[in-house]
Amino acid sequence: MTITLTELAELRLRAVVRSTPNDSPTRGIRLAVKDGGCNGYEYDIKISDAPKSDDQVVESGSLKVFIDPKSAPLLEGIVVDYIDSLLESGFKFTNPNATDTCSCGKSFQAGECSPAGVPCS
């Protein structure tokens, strides 16, 4: 499984993980996709105390990234960056599996396997 976090994305995520009150050595982030967004799938990032038994675990520097089996094929090869500018701040996803993305960049389609999207409001 190949997932790339840029140096800035890793730094930002590591700071968030360390700022929460649990210091478990198995702690990391859960990167997933879920049904939703205006194109069918949307990205989801959460802090997780430990991987689940069927998760794939990828290490980026000192940060552990947990990926569930459903999300893994849709996240293979993704690059996660963090943008911090006067006009926008947040995570930016470059996903080679995406066949289409919405203008906000937070949701995507992946060919024929995408669920129905929900129009942006």
C-alpha atoms as a PDB file:
ATOM      1  CA  MET A   1       0.000   0.000   0.000  1.00  0.00           C
ATOM      2  CA  THR A   2       1.455   3.329  -1.051  1.00  0.00           C
ATOM      3  CA  ILE A   3       0.258   6.515   0.608  1.00  0.00           C
ATOM      4  CA  THR A   4       2.336   9.683   0.627  1.00  0.00           C
ATOM      5  CA  LEU A   5       2.017  12.451   3.178  1.00  0.00           C
ATOM      6  CA  THR A   6       3.966  15.565   2.314  1.00  0.00           C
ATOM      7  CA  GLU A   7       6.255  16.892   5.014  1.00  0.00           C
ATOM      8  CA  LEU A   8       3.765  19.626   5.909  1.00  0.00           C
ATOM      9  CA  ALA A   9       0.779  17.224   6.024  1.00  0.00           C
ATOM     10  CA  GLU A  10       2.694  14.818   8.255  1.00  0.00           C
ATOM     11  CA  LEU A  11       3.800  17.637  10.552  1.00  0.00           C
ATOM     12  CA  ARG A  12       0.227  18.960  10.866  1.00  0.00           C
ATOM     13  CA  LEU A  13      -1.283  15.517  11.507  1.00  0.00           C
ATOM     14  CA  ARG A  14       1.435  14.584  14.000  1.00  0.00           C
ATOM     15  CA  ALA A  15       0.768  17.819  15.910  1.00  0.00           C
ATOM     16  CA  VAL A  16      -2.962  17.043  16.070  1.00  0.00           C
ATOM     17  CA  VAL A  17      -2.330  13.476  17.279  1.00  0.00           C
ATOM     18  CA  ARG A  18       0.082  14.677  19.972  1.00  0.00           C
ATOM     19  CA  SER A  19      -2.242  17.464  21.151  1.00  0.00           C
ATOM     20  CA  THR A  20      -4.971  15.067  22.235  1.00  0.00           C
ATOM     21  CA  PRO A  21      -4.849  13.513  25.724  1.00  0.00           C
ATOM     22  CA  ASN A  22      -3.875   9.895  24.950  1.00  0.00           C
ATOM     23  CA  ASP A  23      -0.209   8.988  24.559  1.00  0.00           C
ATOM     24  CA  SER A  24      -0.618   5.409  23.302  1.00  0.00           C
ATOM     25  CA  PRO A  25       2.352   4.167  21.225  1.00  0.00           C
ATOM     26  CA  THR A  26      -0.121   2.584  18.773  1.00  0.00           C
ATOM     27  CA  ARG A  27      -1.905   5.892  18.151  1.00  0.00           C
ATOM     28  CA  GLY A  28      -2.175   7.296  14.644  1.00  0.00           C
ATOM     29  CA  ILE A  29      -4.624   8.590  12.098  1.00  0.00           C
ATOM     30  CA  ARG A  30      -7.331   6.733  10.233  1.00  0.00           C
ATOM     31  CA  LEU A  31      -7.498   7.744   6.567  1.00  0.00           C
ATOM     32  CA  ALA A  32     -10.638   6.489   4.844  1.00  0.00           C
ATOM     33  CA  VAL A  33     -13.222   7.157   2.198  1.00  0.00           C
ATOM     34  CA  LYS A  34     -16.918   7.091   2.872  1.00  0.00           C
ATOM     35  CA  ASP A  35     -20.007   7.388   0.719  1.00  0.00           C
ATOM     36  CA  GLY A  36     -20.984  11.024   0.443  1.00  0.00           C
ATOM     37  CA  GLY A  37     -20.083  14.359  -0.999  1.00  0.00           C
ATOM     38  CA  CYS A  38     -21.230  15.759  -4.316  1.00  0.00           C
ATOM     39  CA  ASN A  39     -19.306  13.172  -6.360  1.00  0.00           C
ATOM     40  CA  GLY A  40     -19.983   9.941  -4.453  1.00  0.00           C
ATOM     41  CA  TYR A  41     -17.011   9.464  -2.115  1.00  0.00           C
ATOM     42  CA  GLU A  42     -15.490  11.829   0.406  1.00  0.00           C
ATOM     43  CA  TYR A  43     -12.256  11.674   2.389  1.00  0.00           C
ATOM     44  CA  ASP A  44     -12.286  11.126   6.144  1.00  0.00           C
ATOM     45  CA  ILE A  45      -9.390  11.680   8.568  1.00  0.00           C
ATOM     46  CA  LYS A  46      -9.700  10.873  12.261  1.00  0.00           C
ATOM     47  CA  ILE A  47      -7.403  10.216  15.199  1.00  0.00           C
ATOM     48  CA  SER A  48      -7.368   6.546  16.183  1.00  0.00           C
ATOM     49  CA  ASP A  49      -5.874   4.944  19.291  1.00  0.00           C
ATOM     50  CA  ALA A  50      -4.931   1.728  17.475  1.00  0.00           C
ATOM     51  CA  PRO A  51      -5.449  -0.055  14.171  1.00  0.00           C
ATOM     52  CA  LYS A  52      -8.329  -2.488  13.757  1.00  0.00           C
ATOM     53  CA  SER A  53      -7.424  -6.136  13.126  1.00  0.00           C
ATOM     54  CA  ASP A  54      -8.013  -5.894   9.351  1.00  0.00           C
ATOM     55  CA  ASP A  55      -6.430  -2.440   8.817  1.00  0.00           C
ATOM     56  CA  GLN A  56      -3.371  -1.871   6.713  1.00  0.00           C
ATOM     57  CA  VAL A  57      -0.804   0.205   8.590  1.00  0.00           C
ATOM     58  CA  VAL A  58       1.451   2.604   6.705  1.00  0.00           C
ATOM     59  CA  GLU A  59       4.129   4.648   8.455  1.00  0.00           C
ATOM     60  CA  SER A  60       5.002   8.140   7.318  1.00  0.00           C
ATOM     61  CA  GLY A  61       7.935   9.337   9.374  1.00  0.00           C
ATOM     62  CA  SER A  62       6.848   8.791  12.977  1.00  0.00           C
ATOM     63  CA  LEU A  63       3.132   8.871  12.111  1.00  0.00           C
ATOM     64  CA  LYS A  64       1.060   5.696  11.732  1.00  0.00           C
ATOM     65  CA  VAL A  65      -1.718   5.738   9.125  1.00  0.00           C
ATOM     66  CA  PHE A  66      -4.504   3.133   9.373  1.00  0.00           C
ATOM     67  CA  ILE A  67      -6.509   2.181   6.269  1.00  0.00           C
ATOM     68  CA  ASP A  68      -9.547  -0.111   6.293  1.00  0.00           C
ATOM     69  CA  PRO A  69      -9.959  -2.786   3.570  1.00  0.00           C
ATOM     70  CA  LYS A  70     -12.849  -0.978   1.813  1.00  0.00           C
ATOM     71  CA  SER A  71     -10.886   2.267   1.528  1.00  0.00           C
ATOM     72  CA  ALA A  72      -7.522   0.750   0.553  1.00  0.00           C
ATOM     73  CA  PRO A  73      -8.148   0.304  -3.204  1.00  0.00           C
ATOM     74  CA  LEU A  74      -9.569   3.828  -3.447  1.00  0.00           C
ATOM     75  CA  LEU A  75      -6.594   5.349  -1.584  1.00  0.00           C
ATOM     76  CA  GLU A  76      -3.753   3.410  -3.252  1.00  0.00           C
ATOM     77  CA  GLY A  77      -1.157   5.929  -4.457  1.00  0.00           C
ATOM     78  CA  ILE A  78      -2.811   8.996  -2.873  1.00  0.00           C
ATOM     79  CA  VAL A  79      -0.744  12.052  -1.958  1.00  0.00           C
ATOM     80  CA  VAL A  80      -1.982  14.099   1.009  1.00  0.00           C
ATOM     81  CA  ASP A  81      -0.697  17.646   1.330  1.00  0.00           C
ATOM     82  CA  TYR A  82      -1.532  20.503   3.696  1.00  0.00           C
ATOM     83  CA  ILE A  83      -2.165  23.965   2.265  1.00  0.00           C
ATOM     84  CA  ASP A  84      -1.834  26.999   4.513  1.00  0.00           C
ATOM     85  CA  SER A  85      -2.319  30.314   2.743  1.00  0.00           C
ATOM     86  CA  LEU A  86      -4.264  33.538   3.121  1.00  0.00           C
ATOM     87  CA  LEU A  87      -7.094  32.222   0.946  1.00  0.00           C
ATOM     88  CA  GLU A  88      -7.352  28.613   2.077  1.00  0.00           C
ATOM     89  CA  SER A  89      -6.076  26.163   4.658  1.00  0.00           C
ATOM     90  CA  GLY A  90      -6.592  22.436   4.890  1.00  0.00           C
ATOM     91  CA  PHE A  91      -5.685  19.073   3.491  1.00  0.00           C
ATOM     92  CA  LYS A  92      -5.408  18.604  -0.259  1.00  0.00           C
ATOM     93  CA  PHE A  93      -5.768  15.136  -1.787  1.00  0.00           C
ATOM     94  CA  THR A  94      -4.222  14.057  -5.088  1.00  0.00           C
ATOM     95  CA  ASN A  95      -5.749  10.677  -5.845  1.00  0.00           C
ATOM     96  CA  PRO A  96      -4.726   8.718  -8.961  1.00  0.00           C
ATOM     97  CA  ASN A  97      -7.876   6.573  -8.592  1.00  0.00           C
ATOM     98  CA  ALA A  98     -10.241   9.528  -8.916  1.00  0.00           C
ATOM     99  CA  THR A  99     -11.939   9.800 -12.301  1.00  0.00           C
ATOM    100  CA  ASP A 100     -13.629  13.080 -11.333  1.00  0.00           C
ATOM    101  CA  THR A 101     -13.536  15.482  -8.398  1.00  0.00           C
ATOM    102  CA  CYS A 102     -15.768  18.282  -7.234  1.00  0.00           C
ATOM    103  CA  SER A 103     -14.551  21.861  -7.293  1.00  0.00           C
ATOM    104  CA  CYS A 104     -13.866  21.873  -3.540  1.00  0.00           C
ATOM    105  CA  GLY A 105     -11.579  18.808  -3.863  1.00  0.00           C
ATOM    106  CA  LYS A 106     -13.161  17.033  -0.882  1.00  0.00           C
ATOM    107  CA  SER A 107     -15.124  14.417  -2.829  1.00  0.00           C
ATOM    108  CA  PHE A 108     -14.437  12.267  -5.867  1.00  0.00           C
ATOM    109  CA  GLN A 109     -15.686   9.573  -8.219  1.00  0.00           C
ATOM    110  CA  ALA A 110     -13.804   6.375  -8.962  1.00  0.00           C
ATOM    111  CA  GLY A 111     -15.258   5.127 -12.231  1.00  0.00           C
ATOM    112  CA  GLU A 112     -18.275   2.866 -12.217  1.00  0.00           C
ATOM    113  CA  CYS A 113     -17.886   1.849  -8.546  1.00  0.00           C
ATOM    114  CA  SER A 114     -18.855   5.289  -7.169  1.00  0.00           C
ATOM    115  CA  PRO A 115     -22.082   5.621  -5.187  1.00  0.00           C
ATOM    116  CA  ALA A 116     -24.536   8.346  -6.178  1.00  0.00           C
ATOM    117  CA  GLY A 117     -23.377  11.818  -5.229  1.00  0.00           C
ATOM    118  CA  VAL A 118     -25.304  14.429  -3.286  1.00  0.00           C
ATOM    119  CA  PRO A 119     -25.471  17.891  -4.905  1.00  0.00           C
ATOM    120  CA  CYS A 120     -23.368  20.568  -3.230  1.00  0.00           C
ATOM    121  CA  SER A 121     -25.397  23.100  -1.274  1.00  0.00           C
END
